[in-house]
Amino acid sequence: MLRSYQFKNKTKSVTRTIRIDEDIDFQLEKLAHEQRVSVNYFANQALRKFVEWDVFADRLGFVTLPSDIFEKLVGFTTDEQAKELGSWFGKNLAKDLIAFLFKRVDLETSVRALELLGPRYGKAFRFEYTNDGHLTTVILNHGFGRKASVFYSEAVKALLKDLVNTQVDIGMSEHQVFAQIVGPNEFRITMPGPVSPLATQR
């Protein structure tokens, strides 16, 4: 079993005073109490999503669709249409997103973009990843059926094989796509740890 991983994010905190609307503060206090974290934790997560995702998603014209609609739309395509759409997505839209976010398109930034499109912000699929320095394995679990697997497999192929020019083996099942890339990779990731006890303090 692969486990979900998160890229290591080395940052230090700074203190900044901001003013927020009273109704937002009330909702933050309520959520923080329910989930036993600090208001600061939620505020930081929201701001991180804004700078890491929302700004660029707006520029690229991303729209939010209910998962049921996406599943229906993909289900209406033929296999060839799903392949063509997935290939276009990987070569164009995904490439533009990566260039916007990371200023370069390579294996590391491509895998990071899949994490953003998946569990972190886009919610398009669940994402699992391992890298032992010689073999990189990426798994997308989506639950949208075989046509979606065709779409995602072509998107990953276009992104990792055609754009990044890596040797990649891609397989799929009804609700899952996996890719294995052979070769030395320098970037590393770390498992996300539990919420710090400090997060429970305001």
N, C-alpha and C. Protein backbone atom coordinates (compact mmCIF):
# COMPACT_ATOMS: atom_id res chain seq x y z
N MET A 1 0.85 -1.19 0.00
CA MET A 1 0.00 0.00 0.00
C MET A 1 0.88 1.25 0.00
N LEU A 2 0.62 2.14 -0.95
CA LEU A 2 1.29 3.42 -0.91
C LEU A 2 0.58 4.32 0.08
N ARG A 3 1.30 5.27 0.61
CA ARG A 3 0.70 6.23 1.53
C ARG A 3 0.75 7.61 0.89
N SER A 4 -0.20 8.44 1.24
CA SER A 4 -0.22 9.79 0.71
C SER A 4 0.90 10.61 1.35
N TYR A 5 1.56 11.39 0.54
CA TYR A 5 2.66 12.20 1.01
C TYR A 5 2.42 13.66 0.67
N GLN A 6 3.19 14.52 1.31
CA GLN A 6 3.09 15.95 1.08
C GLN A 6 4.49 16.50 0.91
N PHE A 7 4.65 17.42 -0.02
CA PHE A 7 5.97 18.00 -0.22
C PHE A 7 6.38 18.83 0.98
N LYS A 8 7.62 18.72 1.36
CA LYS A 8 8.12 19.45 2.51
C LYS A 8 8.12 20.94 2.21
N ASN A 9 7.61 21.70 3.11
CA ASN A 9 7.48 23.14 2.92
C ASN A 9 8.21 23.85 4.05
N LYS A 10 9.43 24.29 3.79
CA LYS A 10 10.24 24.93 4.81
C LYS A 10 9.92 26.42 4.84
N THR A 11 9.16 26.83 5.82
CA THR A 11 8.82 28.24 5.96
C THR A 11 8.93 28.62 7.42
N LYS A 12 9.12 29.90 7.65
CA LYS A 12 9.08 30.42 9.02
C LYS A 12 7.93 31.40 9.11
N SER A 13 7.41 31.56 10.30
CA SER A 13 6.24 32.42 10.47
C SER A 13 6.66 33.85 10.79
N VAL A 14 5.78 34.78 10.43
CA VAL A 14 5.96 36.19 10.76
C VAL A 14 4.67 36.69 11.41
N THR A 15 4.76 37.77 12.11
CA THR A 15 3.58 38.34 12.76
C THR A 15 3.06 39.51 11.93
N ARG A 16 1.76 39.48 11.63
CA ARG A 16 1.13 40.55 10.87
C ARG A 16 -0.27 40.77 11.45
N THR A 17 -0.63 42.00 11.66
CA THR A 17 -1.95 42.35 12.18
C THR A 17 -2.87 42.75 11.03
N ILE A 18 -4.04 42.12 10.94
CA ILE A 18 -5.00 42.45 9.90
C ILE A 18 -6.38 42.63 10.52
N ARG A 19 -7.26 43.33 9.82
CA ARG A 19 -8.63 43.52 10.26
C ARG A 19 -9.54 42.64 9.40
N ILE A 20 -10.47 41.92 10.03
CA ILE A 20 -11.41 41.08 9.29
C ILE A 20 -12.83 41.41 9.73
N ASP A 21 -13.78 41.08 8.87
CA ASP A 21 -15.18 41.36 9.18
C ASP A 21 -15.64 40.53 10.38
N GLU A 22 -16.55 41.12 11.14
CA GLU A 22 -17.00 40.48 12.38
C GLU A 22 -17.66 39.13 12.11
N ASP A 23 -18.46 39.03 11.04
CA ASP A 23 -19.13 37.76 10.76
C ASP A 23 -18.14 36.66 10.39
N ILE A 24 -17.05 37.04 9.70
CA ILE A 24 -16.02 36.06 9.36
C ILE A 24 -15.30 35.59 10.63
N ASP A 25 -15.01 36.53 11.52
CA ASP A 25 -14.36 36.17 12.78
C ASP A 25 -15.22 35.20 13.58
N PHE A 26 -16.53 35.42 13.57
CA PHE A 26 -17.45 34.54 14.29
C PHE A 26 -17.39 33.12 13.71
N GLN A 27 -17.42 33.02 12.38
CA GLN A 27 -17.37 31.70 11.75
C GLN A 27 -16.03 31.01 12.00
N LEU A 28 -14.94 31.79 11.98
CA LEU A 28 -13.63 31.21 12.25
C LEU A 28 -13.54 30.67 13.68
N GLU A 29 -14.06 31.44 14.63
CA GLU A 29 -14.06 30.99 16.02
C GLU A 29 -14.87 29.70 16.17
N LYS A 30 -16.00 29.64 15.50
CA LYS A 30 -16.86 28.46 15.58
C LYS A 30 -16.17 27.24 15.01
N LEU A 31 -15.57 27.39 13.80
CA LEU A 31 -14.88 26.27 13.17
C LEU A 31 -13.67 25.83 14.00
N ALA A 32 -12.93 26.79 14.50
CA ALA A 32 -11.75 26.47 15.30
C ALA A 32 -12.13 25.69 16.55
N HIS A 33 -13.24 26.08 17.18
CA HIS A 33 -13.70 25.36 18.37
C HIS A 33 -14.13 23.94 18.01
N GLU A 34 -14.86 23.78 16.89
CA GLU A 34 -15.35 22.47 16.49
C GLU A 34 -14.21 21.52 16.14
N GLN A 35 -13.18 22.03 15.48
CA GLN A 35 -12.10 21.17 15.01
C GLN A 35 -10.87 21.21 15.91
N ARG A 36 -10.95 21.96 17.00
CA ARG A 36 -9.89 22.00 18.00
C ARG A 36 -8.55 22.45 17.42
N VAL A 37 -8.61 23.49 16.63
CA VAL A 37 -7.40 24.13 16.13
C VAL A 37 -7.55 25.62 16.38
N SER A 38 -6.52 26.38 16.06
CA SER A 38 -6.57 27.81 16.31
C SER A 38 -7.19 28.55 15.13
N VAL A 39 -7.71 29.74 15.41
CA VAL A 39 -8.18 30.62 14.34
C VAL A 39 -7.04 30.94 13.39
N ASN A 40 -5.87 31.10 13.94
CA ASN A 40 -4.69 31.39 13.13
C ASN A 40 -4.42 30.28 12.12
N TYR A 41 -4.66 29.04 12.53
CA TYR A 41 -4.46 27.90 11.62
C TYR A 41 -5.35 28.02 10.39
N PHE A 42 -6.65 28.28 10.61
CA PHE A 42 -7.57 28.42 9.49
C PHE A 42 -7.22 29.61 8.61
N ALA A 43 -6.87 30.73 9.23
CA ALA A 43 -6.52 31.92 8.46
C ALA A 43 -5.30 31.67 7.59
N ASN A 44 -4.30 30.98 8.15
CA ASN A 44 -3.09 30.69 7.39
C ASN A 44 -3.38 29.75 6.22
N GLN A 45 -4.24 28.73 6.46
CA GLN A 45 -4.59 27.81 5.39
C GLN A 45 -5.33 28.52 4.27
N ALA A 46 -6.23 29.42 4.63
CA ALA A 46 -7.00 30.16 3.62
C ALA A 46 -6.10 31.07 2.79
N LEU A 47 -5.18 31.75 3.45
CA LEU A 47 -4.27 32.64 2.73
C LEU A 47 -3.31 31.85 1.84
N ARG A 48 -2.87 30.69 2.33
CA ARG A 48 -1.98 29.85 1.51
C ARG A 48 -2.71 29.38 0.25
N LYS A 49 -3.95 28.98 0.39
CA LYS A 49 -4.73 28.56 -0.78
C LYS A 49 -4.90 29.72 -1.77
N PHE A 50 -5.09 30.92 -1.25
CA PHE A 50 -5.26 32.07 -2.12
C PHE A 50 -4.00 32.33 -2.95
N VAL A 51 -2.83 32.32 -2.30
CA VAL A 51 -1.60 32.66 -3.03
C VAL A 51 -1.08 31.49 -3.86
N GLU A 52 -1.36 30.24 -3.43
CA GLU A 52 -0.84 29.09 -4.14
C GLU A 52 -1.77 28.61 -5.25
N TRP A 53 -3.06 28.94 -5.16
CA TRP A 53 -4.01 28.36 -6.09
C TRP A 53 -4.98 29.36 -6.69
N ASP A 54 -5.72 30.08 -5.86
CA ASP A 54 -6.84 30.90 -6.35
C ASP A 54 -6.41 31.94 -7.38
N VAL A 55 -5.30 32.61 -7.12
CA VAL A 55 -4.85 33.66 -8.04
C VAL A 55 -4.59 33.10 -9.43
N PHE A 56 -3.91 31.97 -9.48
CA PHE A 56 -3.54 31.38 -10.76
C PHE A 56 -4.72 30.68 -11.42
N ALA A 57 -5.58 30.06 -10.61
CA ALA A 57 -6.78 29.42 -11.17
C ALA A 57 -7.67 30.44 -11.84
N ASP A 58 -7.79 31.63 -11.25
CA ASP A 58 -8.59 32.69 -11.86
C ASP A 58 -7.98 33.14 -13.18
N ARG A 59 -6.67 33.29 -13.21
CA ARG A 59 -6.00 33.74 -14.43
C ARG A 59 -6.18 32.74 -15.56
N LEU A 60 -6.19 31.45 -15.22
CA LEU A 60 -6.29 30.41 -16.24
C LEU A 60 -7.73 30.02 -16.54
N GLY A 61 -8.68 30.65 -15.87
CA GLY A 61 -10.09 30.40 -16.17
C GLY A 61 -10.65 29.12 -15.61
N PHE A 62 -10.09 28.64 -14.49
CA PHE A 62 -10.63 27.43 -13.87
C PHE A 62 -12.03 27.69 -13.33
N VAL A 63 -12.91 26.70 -13.48
CA VAL A 63 -14.24 26.78 -12.89
C VAL A 63 -14.45 25.55 -12.02
N THR A 64 -15.33 25.69 -11.02
CA THR A 64 -15.62 24.59 -10.10
C THR A 64 -16.88 23.88 -10.56
N LEU A 65 -16.77 22.56 -10.72
CA LEU A 65 -17.90 21.74 -11.12
C LEU A 65 -18.17 20.67 -10.07
N PRO A 66 -19.44 20.37 -9.79
CA PRO A 66 -19.73 19.23 -8.93
C PRO A 66 -19.18 17.95 -9.56
N SER A 67 -18.70 17.05 -8.73
CA SER A 67 -18.09 15.83 -9.25
C SER A 67 -19.06 15.01 -10.10
N ASP A 68 -20.34 15.04 -9.76
CA ASP A 68 -21.33 14.28 -10.53
C ASP A 68 -21.42 14.79 -11.97
N ILE A 69 -21.31 16.10 -12.14
CA ILE A 69 -21.38 16.68 -13.49
C ILE A 69 -20.15 16.28 -14.29
N PHE A 70 -18.97 16.32 -13.65
CA PHE A 70 -17.76 15.90 -14.35
C PHE A 70 -17.86 14.46 -14.80
N GLU A 71 -18.35 13.60 -13.91
CA GLU A 71 -18.50 12.18 -14.25
C GLU A 71 -19.45 12.00 -15.42
N LYS A 72 -20.55 12.74 -15.43
CA LYS A 72 -21.52 12.65 -16.53
C LYS A 72 -20.90 13.12 -17.83
N LEU A 73 -20.21 14.26 -17.80
CA LEU A 73 -19.62 14.81 -19.01
C LEU A 73 -18.59 13.86 -19.62
N VAL A 74 -17.72 13.32 -18.77
CA VAL A 74 -16.71 12.38 -19.28
C VAL A 74 -17.38 11.11 -19.79
N GLY A 75 -18.46 10.69 -19.13
CA GLY A 75 -19.16 9.48 -19.55
C GLY A 75 -19.79 9.59 -20.92
N PHE A 76 -20.09 10.81 -21.37
CA PHE A 76 -20.70 11.01 -22.68
C PHE A 76 -19.67 10.97 -23.81
N THR A 77 -18.39 10.95 -23.50
CA THR A 77 -17.36 10.92 -24.53
C THR A 77 -17.06 9.49 -24.96
N THR A 78 -16.52 9.35 -26.17
CA THR A 78 -15.99 8.06 -26.60
C THR A 78 -14.58 7.90 -26.02
N ASP A 79 -14.02 6.71 -26.14
CA ASP A 79 -12.66 6.50 -25.66
C ASP A 79 -11.68 7.43 -26.37
N GLU A 80 -11.84 7.57 -27.69
CA GLU A 80 -10.93 8.42 -28.46
C GLU A 80 -11.07 9.88 -28.05
N GLN A 81 -12.29 10.32 -27.79
CA GLN A 81 -12.51 11.70 -27.35
C GLN A 81 -11.92 11.93 -25.96
N ALA A 82 -12.06 10.94 -25.07
CA ALA A 82 -11.48 11.06 -23.74
C ALA A 82 -9.96 11.13 -23.82
N LYS A 83 -9.36 10.34 -24.70
CA LYS A 83 -7.91 10.38 -24.90
C LYS A 83 -7.46 11.73 -25.43
N GLU A 84 -8.18 12.21 -26.43
CA GLU A 84 -7.81 13.50 -27.04
C GLU A 84 -7.93 14.64 -26.03
N LEU A 85 -9.01 14.62 -25.25
CA LEU A 85 -9.21 15.66 -24.24
C LEU A 85 -8.14 15.60 -23.15
N GLY A 86 -7.81 14.39 -22.69
CA GLY A 86 -6.78 14.23 -21.68
C GLY A 86 -5.43 14.69 -22.17
N SER A 87 -5.09 14.34 -23.42
CA SER A 87 -3.82 14.76 -24.00
C SER A 87 -3.74 16.27 -24.11
N TRP A 88 -4.84 16.89 -24.54
CA TRP A 88 -4.87 18.35 -24.65
C TRP A 88 -4.69 19.00 -23.29
N PHE A 89 -5.36 18.45 -22.28
CA PHE A 89 -5.26 19.01 -20.93
C PHE A 89 -3.82 18.94 -20.43
N GLY A 90 -3.18 17.79 -20.59
CA GLY A 90 -1.81 17.63 -20.10
C GLY A 90 -0.82 18.53 -20.81
N LYS A 91 -0.97 18.67 -22.14
CA LYS A 91 -0.01 19.45 -22.91
C LYS A 91 -0.23 20.95 -22.83
N ASN A 92 -1.45 21.37 -22.55
CA ASN A 92 -1.77 22.79 -22.60
C ASN A 92 -2.11 23.38 -21.23
N LEU A 93 -3.27 23.01 -20.71
CA LEU A 93 -3.73 23.65 -19.48
C LEU A 93 -2.84 23.31 -18.30
N ALA A 94 -2.48 22.04 -18.16
CA ALA A 94 -1.60 21.66 -17.05
C ALA A 94 -0.23 22.32 -17.19
N LYS A 95 0.27 22.39 -18.42
CA LYS A 95 1.56 23.03 -18.66
C LYS A 95 1.50 24.50 -18.26
N ASP A 96 0.43 25.19 -18.66
CA ASP A 96 0.29 26.61 -18.31
C ASP A 96 0.22 26.80 -16.80
N LEU A 97 -0.52 25.92 -16.13
CA LEU A 97 -0.63 26.01 -14.67
C LEU A 97 0.73 25.85 -14.02
N ILE A 98 1.50 24.87 -14.44
CA ILE A 98 2.82 24.62 -13.86
C ILE A 98 3.75 25.80 -14.11
N ALA A 99 3.72 26.34 -15.33
CA ALA A 99 4.58 27.48 -15.65
C ALA A 99 4.23 28.69 -14.79
N PHE A 100 2.92 28.91 -14.57
CA PHE A 100 2.48 30.01 -13.71
C PHE A 100 2.96 29.82 -12.28
N LEU A 101 2.80 28.63 -11.75
CA LEU A 101 3.06 28.38 -10.34
C LEU A 101 4.54 28.27 -10.03
N PHE A 102 5.29 27.57 -10.88
CA PHE A 102 6.66 27.20 -10.52
C PHE A 102 7.74 27.77 -11.45
N LYS A 103 7.31 28.41 -12.55
CA LYS A 103 8.24 29.05 -13.48
C LYS A 103 9.11 28.07 -14.25
N ARG A 104 8.86 26.79 -14.09
CA ARG A 104 9.57 25.79 -14.88
C ARG A 104 8.71 24.53 -14.96
N VAL A 105 8.90 23.75 -16.02
CA VAL A 105 8.15 22.50 -16.19
C VAL A 105 9.13 21.35 -16.18
N ASP A 106 9.14 20.56 -15.10
CA ASP A 106 9.98 19.38 -15.02
C ASP A 106 9.24 18.34 -14.19
N LEU A 107 9.92 17.25 -13.86
CA LEU A 107 9.25 16.17 -13.15
C LEU A 107 8.76 16.62 -11.77
N GLU A 108 9.61 17.32 -11.04
CA GLU A 108 9.23 17.75 -9.70
C GLU A 108 8.01 18.67 -9.73
N THR A 109 8.04 19.70 -10.57
CA THR A 109 6.92 20.65 -10.60
C THR A 109 5.67 20.01 -11.16
N SER A 110 5.82 19.02 -12.04
CA SER A 110 4.65 18.32 -12.58
C SER A 110 3.96 17.50 -11.50
N VAL A 111 4.76 16.82 -10.68
CA VAL A 111 4.18 16.04 -9.58
C VAL A 111 3.56 16.97 -8.55
N ARG A 112 4.20 18.09 -8.28
CA ARG A 112 3.63 19.07 -7.35
C ARG A 112 2.29 19.60 -7.87
N ALA A 113 2.21 19.83 -9.18
CA ALA A 113 0.96 20.32 -9.76
C ALA A 113 -0.14 19.28 -9.63
N LEU A 114 0.18 18.01 -9.78
CA LEU A 114 -0.82 16.95 -9.60
C LEU A 114 -1.34 16.95 -8.17
N GLU A 115 -0.45 17.23 -7.21
CA GLU A 115 -0.89 17.31 -5.82
C GLU A 115 -1.86 18.47 -5.62
N LEU A 116 -1.58 19.61 -6.26
CA LEU A 116 -2.46 20.77 -6.14
C LEU A 116 -3.81 20.51 -6.79
N LEU A 117 -3.78 19.89 -7.99
CA LEU A 117 -5.03 19.59 -8.71
C LEU A 117 -5.84 18.53 -7.98
N GLY A 118 -5.16 17.69 -7.22
CA GLY A 118 -5.84 16.61 -6.52
C GLY A 118 -6.30 16.99 -5.14
N PRO A 119 -5.69 16.40 -4.11
CA PRO A 119 -6.27 16.53 -2.76
C PRO A 119 -6.14 17.91 -2.14
N ARG A 120 -5.15 18.69 -2.54
CA ARG A 120 -4.92 19.93 -1.81
C ARG A 120 -5.96 21.00 -2.15
N TYR A 121 -6.14 21.28 -3.46
CA TYR A 121 -7.03 22.38 -3.83
C TYR A 121 -8.07 21.99 -4.88
N GLY A 122 -7.64 21.36 -5.97
CA GLY A 122 -8.56 21.08 -7.07
C GLY A 122 -9.60 20.02 -6.75
N LYS A 123 -9.25 19.07 -5.86
CA LYS A 123 -10.14 17.99 -5.44
C LYS A 123 -10.60 17.12 -6.61
N ALA A 124 -9.78 17.08 -7.67
CA ALA A 124 -10.17 16.29 -8.84
C ALA A 124 -9.94 14.80 -8.62
N PHE A 125 -9.06 14.45 -7.69
CA PHE A 125 -8.75 13.04 -7.42
C PHE A 125 -7.97 12.96 -6.12
N ARG A 126 -7.89 11.77 -5.57
CA ARG A 126 -6.98 11.52 -4.46
C ARG A 126 -5.61 11.20 -5.03
N PHE A 127 -4.58 11.53 -4.30
CA PHE A 127 -3.23 11.50 -4.85
C PHE A 127 -2.29 10.75 -3.91
N GLU A 128 -1.55 9.81 -4.46
CA GLU A 128 -0.54 9.09 -3.68
C GLU A 128 0.77 9.13 -4.44
N TYR A 129 1.87 9.15 -3.68
CA TYR A 129 3.16 9.39 -4.31
C TYR A 129 4.28 8.78 -3.48
N THR A 130 5.23 8.14 -4.13
CA THR A 130 6.46 7.70 -3.47
C THR A 130 7.64 7.98 -4.39
N ASN A 131 8.79 8.16 -3.79
CA ASN A 131 10.02 8.41 -4.55
C ASN A 131 11.19 7.90 -3.70
N ASP A 132 11.86 6.86 -4.19
CA ASP A 132 13.00 6.31 -3.44
C ASP A 132 14.33 6.78 -4.02
N GLY A 133 14.28 7.77 -4.92
CA GLY A 133 15.48 8.27 -5.54
C GLY A 133 15.75 7.66 -6.90
N HIS A 134 15.15 6.49 -7.18
CA HIS A 134 15.34 5.81 -8.45
C HIS A 134 14.03 5.50 -9.16
N LEU A 135 12.97 5.34 -8.39
CA LEU A 135 11.67 5.03 -8.96
C LEU A 135 10.62 5.95 -8.35
N THR A 136 9.95 6.73 -9.19
CA THR A 136 8.87 7.60 -8.75
C THR A 136 7.55 6.96 -9.14
N THR A 137 6.65 6.82 -8.18
CA THR A 137 5.33 6.24 -8.43
C THR A 137 4.25 7.25 -8.06
N VAL A 138 3.35 7.49 -8.99
CA VAL A 138 2.24 8.42 -8.79
C VAL A 138 0.94 7.66 -9.02
N ILE A 139 -0.01 7.78 -8.10
CA ILE A 139 -1.31 7.14 -8.23
C ILE A 139 -2.41 8.17 -8.08
N LEU A 140 -3.35 8.15 -9.03
CA LEU A 140 -4.53 9.01 -8.98
C LEU A 140 -5.75 8.13 -8.78
N ASN A 141 -6.45 8.31 -7.68
CA ASN A 141 -7.70 7.60 -7.42
C ASN A 141 -8.84 8.61 -7.58
N HIS A 142 -9.78 8.31 -8.49
CA HIS A 142 -10.79 9.32 -8.79
C HIS A 142 -12.23 8.87 -8.58
N GLY A 143 -12.56 7.62 -8.80
CA GLY A 143 -13.91 7.14 -8.57
C GLY A 143 -14.94 7.54 -9.60
N PHE A 144 -14.49 7.99 -10.80
CA PHE A 144 -15.41 8.47 -11.82
C PHE A 144 -15.63 7.49 -12.98
N GLY A 145 -15.07 6.29 -12.88
CA GLY A 145 -15.30 5.30 -13.92
C GLY A 145 -14.20 5.23 -14.97
N ARG A 146 -14.36 4.27 -15.89
CA ARG A 146 -13.31 3.96 -16.87
C ARG A 146 -12.99 5.11 -17.80
N LYS A 147 -14.00 5.85 -18.27
CA LYS A 147 -13.74 6.95 -19.19
C LYS A 147 -12.86 8.02 -18.53
N ALA A 148 -13.09 8.26 -17.25
CA ALA A 148 -12.25 9.21 -16.53
C ALA A 148 -10.82 8.69 -16.42
N SER A 149 -10.66 7.38 -16.25
CA SER A 149 -9.32 6.80 -16.21
C SER A 149 -8.60 7.00 -17.54
N VAL A 150 -9.35 6.84 -18.64
CA VAL A 150 -8.77 7.10 -19.96
C VAL A 150 -8.30 8.54 -20.06
N PHE A 151 -9.15 9.47 -19.61
CA PHE A 151 -8.82 10.90 -19.63
C PHE A 151 -7.58 11.18 -18.79
N TYR A 152 -7.57 10.72 -17.55
CA TYR A 152 -6.45 11.01 -16.66
C TYR A 152 -5.15 10.34 -17.11
N SER A 153 -5.25 9.13 -17.65
CA SER A 153 -4.03 8.45 -18.09
C SER A 153 -3.37 9.19 -19.24
N GLU A 154 -4.18 9.71 -20.18
CA GLU A 154 -3.62 10.47 -21.29
C GLU A 154 -3.07 11.81 -20.81
N ALA A 155 -3.73 12.42 -19.83
CA ALA A 155 -3.24 13.69 -19.29
C ALA A 155 -1.89 13.50 -18.62
N VAL A 156 -1.77 12.45 -17.79
CA VAL A 156 -0.51 12.18 -17.10
C VAL A 156 0.58 11.81 -18.11
N LYS A 157 0.22 11.04 -19.13
CA LYS A 157 1.19 10.67 -20.17
C LYS A 157 1.68 11.91 -20.89
N ALA A 158 0.77 12.79 -21.29
CA ALA A 158 1.17 14.00 -22.00
C ALA A 158 2.05 14.88 -21.13
N LEU A 159 1.73 14.94 -19.86
CA LEU A 159 2.47 15.81 -18.95
C LEU A 159 3.85 15.26 -18.65
N LEU A 160 3.92 14.00 -18.23
CA LEU A 160 5.18 13.44 -17.77
C LEU A 160 6.07 12.92 -18.90
N LYS A 161 5.46 12.31 -19.91
CA LYS A 161 6.25 11.71 -20.98
C LYS A 161 6.58 12.71 -22.08
N ASP A 162 5.56 13.43 -22.55
CA ASP A 162 5.77 14.31 -23.70
C ASP A 162 6.40 15.65 -23.30
N LEU A 163 5.88 16.28 -22.24
CA LEU A 163 6.40 17.59 -21.86
C LEU A 163 7.70 17.49 -21.09
N VAL A 164 7.74 16.60 -20.10
CA VAL A 164 8.92 16.48 -19.25
C VAL A 164 9.97 15.57 -19.88
N ASN A 165 9.56 14.78 -20.86
CA ASN A 165 10.46 13.88 -21.58
C ASN A 165 11.09 12.85 -20.65
N THR A 166 10.24 12.16 -19.90
CA THR A 166 10.71 11.09 -19.02
C THR A 166 10.18 9.75 -19.52
N GLN A 167 10.85 8.69 -19.10
CA GLN A 167 10.39 7.35 -19.42
C GLN A 167 9.36 6.95 -18.37
N VAL A 168 8.11 6.82 -18.77
CA VAL A 168 7.03 6.57 -17.83
C VAL A 168 6.18 5.40 -18.29
N ASP A 169 5.84 4.53 -17.35
CA ASP A 169 4.91 3.42 -17.62
C ASP A 169 3.60 3.76 -16.94
N ILE A 170 2.50 3.73 -17.71
CA ILE A 170 1.20 4.14 -17.20
C ILE A 170 0.22 2.97 -17.30
N GLY A 171 -0.51 2.75 -16.23
CA GLY A 171 -1.55 1.74 -16.21
C GLY A 171 -2.82 2.33 -15.62
N MET A 172 -3.92 1.63 -15.79
CA MET A 172 -5.17 2.16 -15.25
C MET A 172 -6.14 1.03 -14.96
N SER A 173 -7.07 1.31 -14.05
CA SER A 173 -8.21 0.45 -13.78
C SER A 173 -9.44 1.34 -13.86
N GLU A 174 -10.57 0.85 -13.44
CA GLU A 174 -11.81 1.62 -13.61
C GLU A 174 -11.79 2.94 -12.86
N HIS A 175 -11.18 2.98 -11.70
CA HIS A 175 -11.20 4.19 -10.89
C HIS A 175 -9.81 4.68 -10.49
N GLN A 176 -8.78 4.20 -11.20
CA GLN A 176 -7.43 4.53 -10.78
C GLN A 176 -6.47 4.61 -11.96
N VAL A 177 -5.53 5.53 -11.88
CA VAL A 177 -4.45 5.65 -12.86
C VAL A 177 -3.14 5.68 -12.09
N PHE A 178 -2.15 4.91 -12.55
CA PHE A 178 -0.86 4.95 -11.89
C PHE A 178 0.25 5.11 -12.93
N ALA A 179 1.30 5.80 -12.52
CA ALA A 179 2.44 6.03 -13.40
C ALA A 179 3.72 5.76 -12.63
N GLN A 180 4.66 5.10 -13.29
CA GLN A 180 5.96 4.84 -12.68
C GLN A 180 7.04 5.42 -13.59
N ILE A 181 7.90 6.22 -12.98
CA ILE A 181 8.98 6.87 -13.72
C ILE A 181 10.30 6.35 -13.19
N VAL A 182 11.11 5.76 -14.07
CA VAL A 182 12.40 5.20 -13.68
C VAL A 182 13.48 6.23 -13.95
N GLY A 183 14.37 6.40 -12.99
CA GLY A 183 15.47 7.34 -13.16
C GLY A 183 15.75 8.09 -11.88
N PRO A 184 16.96 8.60 -11.72
CA PRO A 184 17.31 9.33 -10.49
C PRO A 184 16.52 10.63 -10.38
N ASN A 185 15.99 10.88 -9.19
CA ASN A 185 15.24 12.10 -8.93
C ASN A 185 15.78 12.73 -7.66
N GLU A 186 16.07 14.01 -7.72
CA GLU A 186 16.72 14.68 -6.60
C GLU A 186 15.75 15.19 -5.55
N PHE A 187 14.51 15.49 -5.94
CA PHE A 187 13.62 16.10 -4.95
C PHE A 187 13.07 15.06 -3.99
N ARG A 188 12.78 15.51 -2.79
CA ARG A 188 12.29 14.64 -1.74
C ARG A 188 11.00 15.20 -1.15
N ILE A 189 10.25 14.33 -0.51
CA ILE A 189 9.02 14.73 0.15
C ILE A 189 9.01 14.17 1.55
N THR A 190 8.11 14.67 2.36
CA THR A 190 7.98 14.18 3.72
C THR A 190 6.52 13.98 4.05
N MET A 191 6.24 13.01 4.89
CA MET A 191 4.85 12.77 5.27
C MET A 191 4.32 13.94 6.08
N PRO A 192 3.07 14.33 5.85
CA PRO A 192 2.50 15.39 6.67
C PRO A 192 2.33 14.92 8.10
N GLY A 193 2.75 15.73 9.04
CA GLY A 193 2.64 15.37 10.44
C GLY A 193 1.31 15.82 11.01
N PRO A 194 1.03 15.46 12.25
CA PRO A 194 -0.22 15.89 12.89
C PRO A 194 -0.19 17.38 13.16
N VAL A 195 -1.35 17.96 13.39
CA VAL A 195 -1.42 19.37 13.72
C VAL A 195 -0.63 19.62 15.00
N SER A 196 0.19 20.64 14.98
CA SER A 196 1.01 20.97 16.15
C SER A 196 0.12 21.33 17.33
N PRO A 197 0.54 20.93 18.55
CA PRO A 197 -0.21 21.35 19.73
C PRO A 197 -0.36 22.86 19.82
N LEU A 198 0.61 23.59 19.24
CA LEU A 198 0.53 25.03 19.26
C LEU A 198 -0.67 25.54 18.46
N ALA A 199 -1.17 24.70 17.53
CA ALA A 199 -2.30 25.12 16.70
C ALA A 199 -3.57 25.24 17.51
N THR A 200 -3.59 24.61 18.68
CA THR A 200 -4.78 24.68 19.50
C THR A 200 -4.81 25.95 20.34
N GLN A 201 -3.71 26.71 20.26
CA GLN A 201 -3.67 27.94 21.01
C GLN A 201 -3.98 29.11 20.08
N ARG A 202 -4.68 30.07 20.58
CA ARG A 202 -5.01 31.22 19.74
C ARG A 202 -3.79 32.08 19.56
